[in-house]
Amino acid sequence: MRVGIIGAGIAGLSAGYRLAQQGVHPVIFEKGSFSGGRMSSDRIDDFIIDRGAYTIPETHHHFLNLIKELGLSASLVETPGTSSTFVSGEEHKIKIGSPMDFFKYRLLNLKNKKDLIKLFLYAKSLGEKLNLNAPTQKTLALEKETVSDYLIKNYSKELLEKIAGPIFADLYLGIPEDNSKAVFLSAIRNLTHFKIFTLNTGMGVVAQKMQEGLDVRFNTAVLSIRENKQAGTYHVEVEGDPTIYEFDKIIFAVPLPLVVELFKDLPESLRNIIKKIHFTPSMVVAMGLKKPFDSHSFMNNFLREEIRTLATVVLDHFKGPGRIPKGKGLATAILTKNASEDLFHKTENKITKIVLDEMDSVWPSFSSNILFARVYRWPFGGVQFPPGTLAQQVSMREALDKLDKSVAFASDGLYRASMEVSLRTGFKASERIMAGIE
């Protein structure tokens, strides 16, 4: 069977990887020059840089199992899980998942701590109602208001700004005003047991390992996919290539808005549902340093009312040895949603200057330690979940499942933005294709 996969991110690679294990050898079309998408790495002067995704939480069971399957367990590193939030220049440090650190945490007053405990216990009591991958009517009832409205009405602005703000900036690349209570509670319930891993050789090693033996066509932009009803096949048109490729099965492993553009036979009703799924762009700025910058936490967060551009700054030496040349340092800044939207089409020099100015406002003279800076842009960085989105996604997935079994979909936009979701949807897409073949 001839199978075409559109996109060589983690979703597309995982679909191709599973198909190849079962004797099917797909062709994977990738517009860019590298595989893995946001879970890819770059190498600059012996610095290993993660372009997007930078950690693997212990809750990502499928991803951790794949790492073992690929023989990459030796590269897996448990980070210290330390996180700092800066308020008026003062650093408040905590180890994520440490009750002892929580009770000594000076960022929150006693009332805020009691409220956060109450929120945590409420989230734990909800159990499977917070399974966002398989939402029930009770799950959908929890998404009727935004996080910001819920916290201001029932708790305080302090919890909104000091807890919800950093959580959404880091995990969802968004803001509490754009997301529902259900998504917030699903994150809160994992706070007490939350180990965080990364890969010493760079997160992109997973993509490199999966693509071994696969037919990946880089720098190959797909223009359109059309169904040839008479032959029961699909025609794929590629930019700059007069060949019309023909496949029996197609897997879309690109963000859903791109599916709407590419798949000319997508039903109009489904197009309208997909258009309601809201993505936000993401930007990452990696900065090589002349000397180590190691006196702070692994993850460093900022209040949005004080710092506009920086959401999280990751200090990469915590990801294990071998990533940074001896005597040097590496810091990776993840920009806020608003900054990513405003700066996305600006020049690299403009973006770097704005980021360094804010870094200097937190850590004076930081910019004097810079060796280089690289900007990475992701137009579909994160899926946002305003009230009603989970219900829309249920309808969308039901409609996708009703399409011809010769077409499958894999993308973090089917559920939410995470490498675990990309991986799982890639595996499920391969299962759908194999079921159709059988």
Protein backbone atom coordinates (compact mmCIF):
# COMPACT_ATOMS: atom_id res chain seq x y z
CA MET A 1 0.00 0.00 0.00
CA ARG A 2 1.21 3.49 -0.86
CA VAL A 3 0.90 5.77 2.16
CA GLY A 4 1.72 9.49 2.14
CA ILE A 5 2.32 11.41 5.37
CA ILE A 6 2.16 15.20 5.38
CA GLY A 7 4.56 16.59 7.99
CA ALA A 8 7.70 15.18 9.66
CA GLY A 9 7.07 16.46 13.15
CA ILE A 10 6.74 14.02 16.03
CA ALA A 11 3.18 13.11 14.94
CA GLY A 12 4.20 12.29 11.37
CA LEU A 13 7.37 10.46 12.37
CA SER A 14 5.59 8.34 14.97
CA ALA A 15 2.96 7.36 12.39
CA GLY A 16 5.68 6.47 9.87
CA TYR A 17 7.72 4.64 12.49
CA ARG A 18 4.80 2.39 13.49
CA LEU A 19 3.82 1.75 9.86
CA ALA A 20 7.38 0.75 8.98
CA GLN A 21 7.40 -1.71 11.89
CA GLN A 22 4.41 -3.39 10.24
CA GLY A 23 5.94 -3.59 6.79
CA VAL A 24 4.42 -0.44 5.27
CA HIS A 25 6.93 2.12 4.03
CA PRO A 26 5.35 5.58 3.72
CA VAL A 27 6.65 8.70 2.01
CA ILE A 28 6.83 11.64 4.43
CA PHE A 29 6.70 15.16 2.98
CA GLU A 30 8.29 17.88 5.12
CA LYS A 31 8.24 21.56 4.18
CA GLY A 32 11.22 22.39 6.42
CA SER A 33 14.83 21.24 6.40
CA PHE A 34 14.70 19.15 9.60
CA SER A 35 12.42 16.66 11.34
CA GLY A 36 10.79 16.70 14.76
CA GLY A 37 9.09 20.10 14.60
CA ARG A 38 9.13 21.73 18.03
CA MET A 39 10.87 18.66 19.45
CA SER A 40 14.02 19.21 17.43
CA SER A 41 17.50 20.37 18.33
CA ASP A 42 20.08 22.66 16.77
CA ARG A 43 23.86 22.60 17.20
CA ILE A 44 25.83 25.86 17.24
CA ASP A 45 29.56 25.81 18.07
CA ASP A 46 29.19 22.67 20.25
CA PHE A 47 26.11 24.08 22.02
CA ILE A 48 23.08 21.77 21.79
CA ILE A 49 19.89 23.85 21.66
CA ASP A 50 16.31 22.68 21.97
CA ARG A 51 14.29 24.66 19.44
CA GLY A 52 10.93 24.27 21.21
CA ALA A 53 10.04 21.47 23.62
CA TYR A 54 12.58 21.25 26.42
CA THR A 55 11.22 18.76 28.98
CA ILE A 56 9.37 15.45 29.25
CA PRO A 57 7.11 15.30 32.33
CA GLU A 58 6.78 11.93 34.03
CA THR A 59 3.09 11.96 33.03
CA HIS A 60 4.16 11.52 29.38
CA HIS A 61 4.18 7.73 29.67
CA HIS A 62 4.06 6.99 25.92
CA PHE A 63 7.02 9.25 25.27
CA LEU A 64 9.12 7.73 28.03
CA ASN A 65 8.27 4.24 26.74
CA LEU A 66 9.30 5.27 23.20
CA ILE A 67 12.64 6.58 24.49
CA LYS A 68 13.28 3.16 26.02
CA GLU A 69 12.15 1.41 22.82
CA LEU A 70 14.54 3.54 20.75
CA GLY A 71 17.46 2.68 23.03
CA LEU A 72 17.84 6.25 24.28
CA SER A 73 17.40 5.59 28.01
CA ALA A 74 21.06 6.40 28.72
CA SER A 75 20.44 9.96 27.45
CA LEU A 76 17.46 10.53 29.75
CA VAL A 77 18.23 12.99 32.55
CA GLU A 78 16.02 13.88 35.49
CA THR A 79 16.20 17.62 36.05
CA PRO A 80 16.16 19.11 39.56
CA GLY A 81 12.65 20.44 38.88
CA THR A 82 13.51 23.77 40.45
CA SER A 83 11.42 26.80 39.53
CA SER A 84 11.78 30.46 40.46
CA THR A 85 9.29 33.29 40.10
CA PHE A 86 10.66 36.83 40.10
CA VAL A 87 8.62 39.60 41.74
CA SER A 88 10.02 43.14 41.86
CA GLY A 89 13.47 41.72 41.25
CA GLU A 90 13.24 39.25 44.15
CA GLU A 91 13.59 35.53 43.38
CA HIS A 92 11.20 33.03 44.95
CA LYS A 93 12.51 29.49 44.45
CA ILE A 94 10.63 26.20 44.83
CA LYS A 95 11.13 22.56 43.86
CA ILE A 96 8.07 21.48 41.91
CA GLY A 97 6.25 18.70 43.75
CA SER A 98 7.92 19.34 47.10
CA PRO A 99 5.33 19.88 49.89
CA MET A 100 8.10 21.03 52.24
CA ASP A 101 9.22 23.73 49.81
CA PHE A 102 5.61 24.75 49.25
CA PHE A 103 4.98 25.48 52.92
CA LYS A 104 8.13 27.64 53.05
CA TYR A 105 7.32 29.36 49.74
CA ARG A 106 7.43 33.14 50.33
CA LEU A 107 5.80 33.98 47.01
CA LEU A 108 2.37 33.12 48.50
CA ASN A 109 0.88 34.32 51.77
CA LEU A 110 -0.89 31.91 54.13
CA LYS A 111 -4.32 32.51 52.61
CA ASN A 112 -3.03 31.90 49.08
CA LYS A 113 -1.39 28.66 50.21
CA LYS A 114 -4.63 27.46 51.80
CA ASP A 115 -6.53 28.37 48.64
CA LEU A 116 -4.04 26.51 46.45
CA ILE A 117 -4.33 23.42 48.65
CA LYS A 118 -8.12 23.67 48.37
CA LEU A 119 -7.83 23.91 44.58
CA PHE A 120 -5.50 20.92 44.46
CA LEU A 121 -7.82 18.75 46.58
CA TYR A 122 -10.78 19.76 44.41
CA ALA A 123 -8.86 18.86 41.24
CA LYS A 124 -7.82 15.49 42.69
CA SER A 125 -11.43 14.73 43.66
CA LEU A 126 -12.55 15.18 40.03
CA GLY A 127 -10.60 12.11 38.87
CA GLU A 128 -11.44 11.05 35.32
CA LYS A 129 -13.64 14.11 34.86
CA LEU A 130 -10.34 15.91 34.14
CA ASN A 131 -9.26 13.49 31.41
CA LEU A 132 -9.13 16.07 28.60
CA ASN A 133 -8.28 13.37 26.05
CA ALA A 134 -11.64 11.70 26.63
CA PRO A 135 -13.96 14.41 27.98
CA THR A 136 -17.39 13.51 29.31
CA GLN A 137 -20.38 15.79 29.86
CA LYS A 138 -19.05 16.40 33.39
CA THR A 139 -15.72 17.47 31.90
CA LEU A 140 -17.47 19.84 29.52
CA ALA A 141 -19.38 21.37 32.45
CA LEU A 142 -16.01 22.37 33.96
CA GLU A 143 -15.04 24.42 30.91
CA LYS A 144 -17.90 26.89 31.05
CA GLU A 145 -15.77 29.73 32.42
CA THR A 146 -12.23 30.98 31.94
CA VAL A 147 -9.50 30.46 34.51
CA SER A 148 -9.28 34.21 35.14
CA ASP A 149 -13.01 34.57 35.81
CA TYR A 150 -13.03 31.49 38.05
CA LEU A 151 -10.05 32.55 40.18
CA ILE A 152 -11.09 36.18 40.56
CA LYS A 153 -14.63 35.18 41.54
CA ASN A 154 -13.70 32.38 43.94
CA TYR A 155 -10.13 33.01 45.06
CA SER A 156 -7.84 35.98 44.39
CA LYS A 157 -5.89 37.95 41.82
CA GLU A 158 -2.69 36.72 43.49
CA LEU A 159 -3.39 33.12 42.50
CA LEU A 160 -4.27 34.27 38.99
CA GLU A 161 -1.03 36.19 38.48
CA LYS A 162 1.44 34.15 40.54
CA ILE A 163 0.21 30.60 39.84
CA ALA A 164 -2.13 30.46 36.83
CA GLY A 165 -0.15 32.99 34.76
CA PRO A 166 3.18 31.10 34.88
CA ILE A 167 1.48 27.71 34.42
CA PHE A 168 -0.23 28.79 31.21
CA ALA A 169 2.82 30.63 29.88
CA ASP A 170 4.96 27.51 30.32
CA LEU A 171 2.67 24.52 29.71
CA TYR A 172 0.18 25.98 27.23
CA LEU A 173 2.06 28.97 25.75
CA GLY A 174 -1.00 31.07 26.52
CA ILE A 175 -2.76 33.14 29.17
CA PRO A 176 -5.49 32.36 31.75
CA GLU A 177 -7.95 34.66 29.98
CA ASP A 178 -7.84 32.39 26.90
CA ASN A 179 -8.31 29.06 28.68
CA SER A 180 -10.98 27.27 30.65
CA LYS A 181 -11.13 26.17 34.26
CA ALA A 182 -10.99 22.49 33.19
CA VAL A 183 -7.52 22.89 31.63
CA PHE A 184 -6.19 24.70 34.71
CA LEU A 185 -7.49 22.08 37.13
CA SER A 186 -5.97 19.27 35.05
CA ALA A 187 -2.55 20.94 35.48
CA ILE A 188 -3.03 21.71 39.19
CA ARG A 189 -3.76 18.11 40.18
CA ASN A 190 -0.26 16.96 39.11
CA LEU A 191 1.69 19.50 41.14
CA THR A 192 2.61 17.25 44.08
CA HIS A 193 4.29 14.46 42.11
CA PHE A 194 5.91 15.85 39.03
CA LYS A 195 9.32 14.62 37.94
CA ILE A 196 10.71 16.38 34.89
CA PHE A 197 13.09 14.73 32.42
CA THR A 198 15.06 15.86 29.42
CA LEU A 199 17.54 14.32 27.00
CA ASN A 200 21.21 15.11 27.48
CA THR A 201 21.90 14.72 23.75
CA GLY A 202 19.11 17.17 22.82
CA MET A 203 15.39 16.56 22.49
CA GLY A 204 15.76 16.18 18.73
CA VAL A 205 17.51 12.83 19.11
CA VAL A 206 14.06 11.18 19.32
CA ALA A 207 13.15 12.47 15.86
CA GLN A 208 16.54 11.51 14.46
CA LYS A 209 16.19 7.97 15.75
CA MET A 210 12.60 7.52 14.50
CA GLN A 211 13.39 8.75 11.00
CA GLU A 212 16.13 6.17 10.45
CA GLY A 213 15.04 4.04 7.51
CA LEU A 214 12.06 6.27 6.69
CA ASP A 215 11.63 8.04 3.35
CA VAL A 216 11.49 11.68 4.50
CA ARG A 217 11.47 14.31 1.72
CA PHE A 218 12.81 17.54 3.26
CA ASN A 219 12.25 21.01 1.77
CA THR A 220 9.20 19.59 0.02
CA ALA A 221 6.12 21.76 0.47
CA VAL A 222 2.81 20.07 -0.30
CA LEU A 223 0.41 22.40 -2.12
CA SER A 224 -2.76 20.29 -2.24
CA ILE A 225 -4.24 16.84 -1.67
CA ARG A 226 -7.22 15.82 -3.78
CA GLU A 227 -9.23 12.62 -3.86
CA ASN A 228 -9.35 10.70 -7.15
CA LYS A 229 -12.71 9.05 -6.58
CA GLN A 230 -12.56 7.03 -9.78
CA ALA A 231 -9.31 5.31 -8.80
CA GLY A 232 -9.91 5.38 -5.04
CA THR A 233 -6.61 7.18 -4.47
CA TYR A 234 -5.28 10.59 -3.44
CA HIS A 235 -3.23 12.98 -5.55
CA VAL A 236 -0.52 15.00 -3.81
CA GLU A 237 0.81 18.12 -5.54
CA VAL A 238 4.23 19.35 -4.43
CA GLU A 239 5.74 22.79 -4.92
CA GLY A 240 8.37 22.93 -7.67
CA ASP A 241 7.77 19.34 -8.78
CA PRO A 242 5.64 18.57 -11.87
CA THR A 243 5.04 15.02 -10.58
CA ILE A 244 1.58 14.30 -9.18
CA TYR A 245 2.17 11.75 -6.43
CA GLU A 246 -0.54 9.12 -5.96
CA PHE A 247 -1.27 7.34 -2.67
CA ASP A 248 -3.81 4.84 -1.42
CA LYS A 249 -3.77 6.32 2.10
CA ILE A 250 -2.99 9.77 3.51
CA ILE A 251 -2.01 10.84 7.04
CA PHE A 252 -2.20 14.54 7.86
CA ALA A 253 0.39 15.26 10.56
CA VAL A 254 0.38 19.05 10.41
CA PRO A 255 -1.52 21.63 12.49
CA LEU A 256 -5.25 21.53 11.75
CA PRO A 257 -5.41 24.99 10.10
CA LEU A 258 -3.00 23.68 7.46
CA VAL A 259 -5.24 20.65 6.84
CA VAL A 260 -8.02 23.06 5.90
CA GLU A 261 -5.72 24.69 3.35
CA LEU A 262 -4.29 21.48 1.87
CA PHE A 263 -7.13 18.95 1.81
CA LYS A 264 -9.43 20.13 -0.94
CA ASP A 265 -12.05 17.44 -0.28
CA LEU A 266 -12.50 18.18 3.42
CA PRO A 267 -16.25 18.60 4.12
CA GLU A 268 -17.33 22.21 4.68
CA SER A 269 -18.95 21.36 8.02
CA LEU A 270 -15.63 19.99 9.28
CA ARG A 271 -13.74 23.01 7.95
CA ASN A 272 -15.98 25.25 10.06
CA ILE A 273 -15.33 23.23 13.22
CA ILE A 274 -11.55 23.19 12.69
CA LYS A 275 -11.50 26.96 12.12
CA LYS A 276 -12.81 27.41 15.67
CA ILE A 277 -9.79 25.62 17.19
CA HIS A 278 -7.51 28.41 18.39
CA PHE A 279 -3.72 28.22 18.06
CA THR A 280 -1.23 30.77 19.30
CA PRO A 281 2.30 31.31 17.93
CA SER A 282 5.36 30.61 20.03
CA MET A 283 8.87 32.02 19.97
CA VAL A 284 12.07 30.77 21.59
CA VAL A 285 15.35 32.69 21.86
CA ALA A 286 18.46 30.63 22.70
CA MET A 287 21.47 32.54 24.03
CA GLY A 288 25.00 31.13 24.24
CA LEU A 289 27.00 32.63 27.12
CA LYS A 290 30.68 33.35 27.62
CA LYS A 291 30.59 31.94 31.15
CA PRO A 292 28.18 29.81 33.22
CA PHE A 293 24.97 31.34 34.52
CA ASP A 294 24.17 28.80 37.18
CA SER A 295 22.99 30.53 40.35
CA HIS A 296 19.27 30.31 39.57
CA SER A 297 16.62 27.64 38.96
CA PHE A 298 16.13 25.36 36.00
CA MET A 299 12.94 27.29 35.08
CA ASN A 300 12.64 31.01 35.83
CA ASN A 301 9.24 32.69 35.55
CA PHE A 302 8.08 36.31 35.60
CA LEU A 303 4.90 38.15 36.40
CA ARG A 304 3.33 39.53 33.26
CA GLU A 305 2.46 42.83 34.93
CA GLU A 306 6.22 43.41 35.40
CA ILE A 307 7.87 41.63 32.46
CA ARG A 308 6.11 41.77 29.10
CA THR A 309 8.31 39.68 26.79
CA LEU A 310 9.78 36.85 28.88
CA ALA A 311 7.49 34.06 30.05
CA THR A 312 10.10 31.48 31.10
CA VAL A 313 13.89 31.40 30.96
CA VAL A 314 15.39 27.89 31.03
CA LEU A 315 18.98 27.39 32.16
CA ASP A 316 20.19 24.54 30.00
CA HIS A 317 23.07 23.28 32.13
CA PHE A 318 20.41 21.58 34.26
CA LYS A 319 19.67 19.29 31.28
CA GLY A 320 22.84 17.30 31.89
CA PRO A 321 26.49 17.33 30.82
CA GLY A 322 27.57 17.52 27.21
CA ARG A 323 25.14 20.19 26.02
CA ILE A 324 27.39 23.18 26.69
CA PRO A 325 31.14 23.62 26.08
CA LYS A 326 33.17 23.64 29.27
CA GLY A 327 33.26 27.05 30.93
CA LYS A 328 30.32 28.38 28.87
CA GLY A 329 26.60 28.85 29.56
CA LEU A 330 23.29 28.57 27.74
CA ALA A 331 19.94 30.20 28.49
CA THR A 332 16.72 29.67 26.53
CA ALA A 333 13.94 32.27 26.71
CA ILE A 334 10.37 31.31 25.91
CA LEU A 335 8.37 34.41 25.05
CA THR A 336 4.90 35.30 26.29
CA LYS A 337 1.88 34.80 24.08
CA ASN A 338 1.44 38.54 23.49
CA ALA A 339 5.12 39.06 22.71
CA SER A 340 5.14 36.11 20.30
CA GLU A 341 2.15 37.55 18.46
CA ASP A 342 3.60 41.08 18.31
CA LEU A 343 7.18 40.14 17.41
CA PHE A 344 6.64 37.08 15.23
CA HIS A 345 7.43 38.85 11.94
CA LYS A 346 10.10 41.20 13.31
CA THR A 347 13.78 40.75 12.42
CA GLU A 348 15.98 38.49 14.51
CA ASN A 349 18.06 41.50 15.62
CA LYS A 350 14.96 43.38 16.79
CA ILE A 351 13.66 40.39 18.75
CA THR A 352 17.05 39.69 20.31
CA LYS A 353 17.47 43.30 21.45
CA ILE A 354 14.05 43.34 23.16
CA VAL A 355 14.76 40.02 24.88
CA LEU A 356 18.21 41.11 26.07
CA ASP A 357 16.86 44.41 27.39
CA GLU A 358 14.37 42.50 29.55
CA MET A 359 17.02 39.98 30.61
CA ASP A 360 19.16 42.92 31.76
CA SER A 361 16.24 44.32 33.75
CA VAL A 362 16.14 41.09 35.77
CA TRP A 363 19.84 40.19 35.74
CA PRO A 364 21.90 43.40 35.21
CA SER A 365 24.66 43.13 32.60
CA PHE A 366 23.34 39.78 31.34
CA SER A 367 23.73 40.96 27.72
CA SER A 368 27.48 41.55 28.19
CA ASN A 369 27.84 37.78 28.62
CA ILE A 370 26.33 36.90 25.21
CA LEU A 371 28.21 34.87 22.60
CA PHE A 372 25.27 34.43 20.20
CA ALA A 373 21.50 34.43 20.06
CA ARG A 374 19.16 32.41 17.83
CA VAL A 375 15.44 32.95 17.34
CA TYR A 376 13.07 30.02 16.65
CA ARG A 377 9.51 30.72 15.50
CA TRP A 378 6.54 28.35 15.65
CA PRO A 379 3.40 29.73 13.99
CA PHE A 380 1.22 27.01 15.59
CA GLY A 381 2.98 26.81 18.94
CA GLY A 382 0.09 25.99 21.24
CA VAL A 383 -3.59 25.11 21.26
CA GLN A 384 -5.73 27.36 23.46
CA PHE A 385 -8.84 26.17 25.30
CA PRO A 386 -11.37 28.95 25.85
CA PRO A 387 -14.77 27.80 27.18
CA GLY A 388 -16.47 25.47 24.72
CA THR A 389 -13.30 24.28 22.97
CA LEU A 390 -13.37 20.76 24.43
CA ALA A 391 -16.96 20.34 23.20
CA GLN A 392 -15.89 21.56 19.75
CA GLN A 393 -13.01 19.08 19.74
CA VAL A 394 -15.34 16.19 20.60
CA SER A 395 -17.48 17.11 17.59
CA MET A 396 -14.40 17.51 15.41
CA ARG A 397 -12.94 14.12 16.34
CA GLU A 398 -16.28 12.40 15.77
CA ALA A 399 -16.49 14.01 12.32
CA LEU A 400 -12.89 13.04 11.48
CA ASP A 401 -13.57 9.44 12.48
CA LYS A 402 -16.52 9.30 10.07
CA LEU A 403 -14.35 10.18 7.07
CA ASP A 404 -13.05 7.48 4.76
CA LYS A 405 -10.66 5.12 6.56
CA SER A 406 -8.07 5.93 3.91
CA VAL A 407 -7.48 9.29 5.61
CA ALA A 408 -6.09 9.72 9.12
CA PHE A 409 -5.16 12.75 11.24
CA ALA A 410 -2.30 13.19 13.72
CA SER A 411 -1.56 16.46 15.47
CA ASP A 412 -1.43 17.94 18.95
CA GLY A 413 -4.37 20.10 17.87
CA LEU A 414 -6.64 17.07 18.13
CA TYR A 415 -6.40 17.26 21.93
CA ARG A 416 -4.00 19.88 23.24
CA ALA A 417 -0.43 21.02 22.64
CA SER A 418 2.10 18.49 23.89
CA MET A 419 4.65 16.10 22.45
CA GLU A 420 2.87 13.24 24.22
CA VAL A 421 -0.34 14.05 22.34
CA SER A 422 1.53 14.32 19.03
CA LEU A 423 3.07 10.92 19.62
CA ARG A 424 -0.20 9.25 20.60
CA THR A 425 -2.12 10.69 17.67
CA GLY A 426 0.63 9.53 15.32
CA PHE A 427 0.35 5.99 16.66
CA LYS A 428 -3.46 6.11 16.41
CA ALA A 429 -3.26 7.36 12.81
CA SER A 430 -1.06 4.40 11.87
CA GLU A 431 -3.56 2.03 13.54
CA ARG A 432 -6.39 3.56 11.52
CA ILE A 433 -4.46 3.12 8.28
CA MET A 434 -3.56 -0.48 9.11
CA ALA A 435 -7.16 -1.26 10.04
CA GLY A 436 -8.23 0.08 6.64
CA ILE A 437 -5.64 -2.07 4.88
CA GLU A 438 -6.76 -5.20 6.68
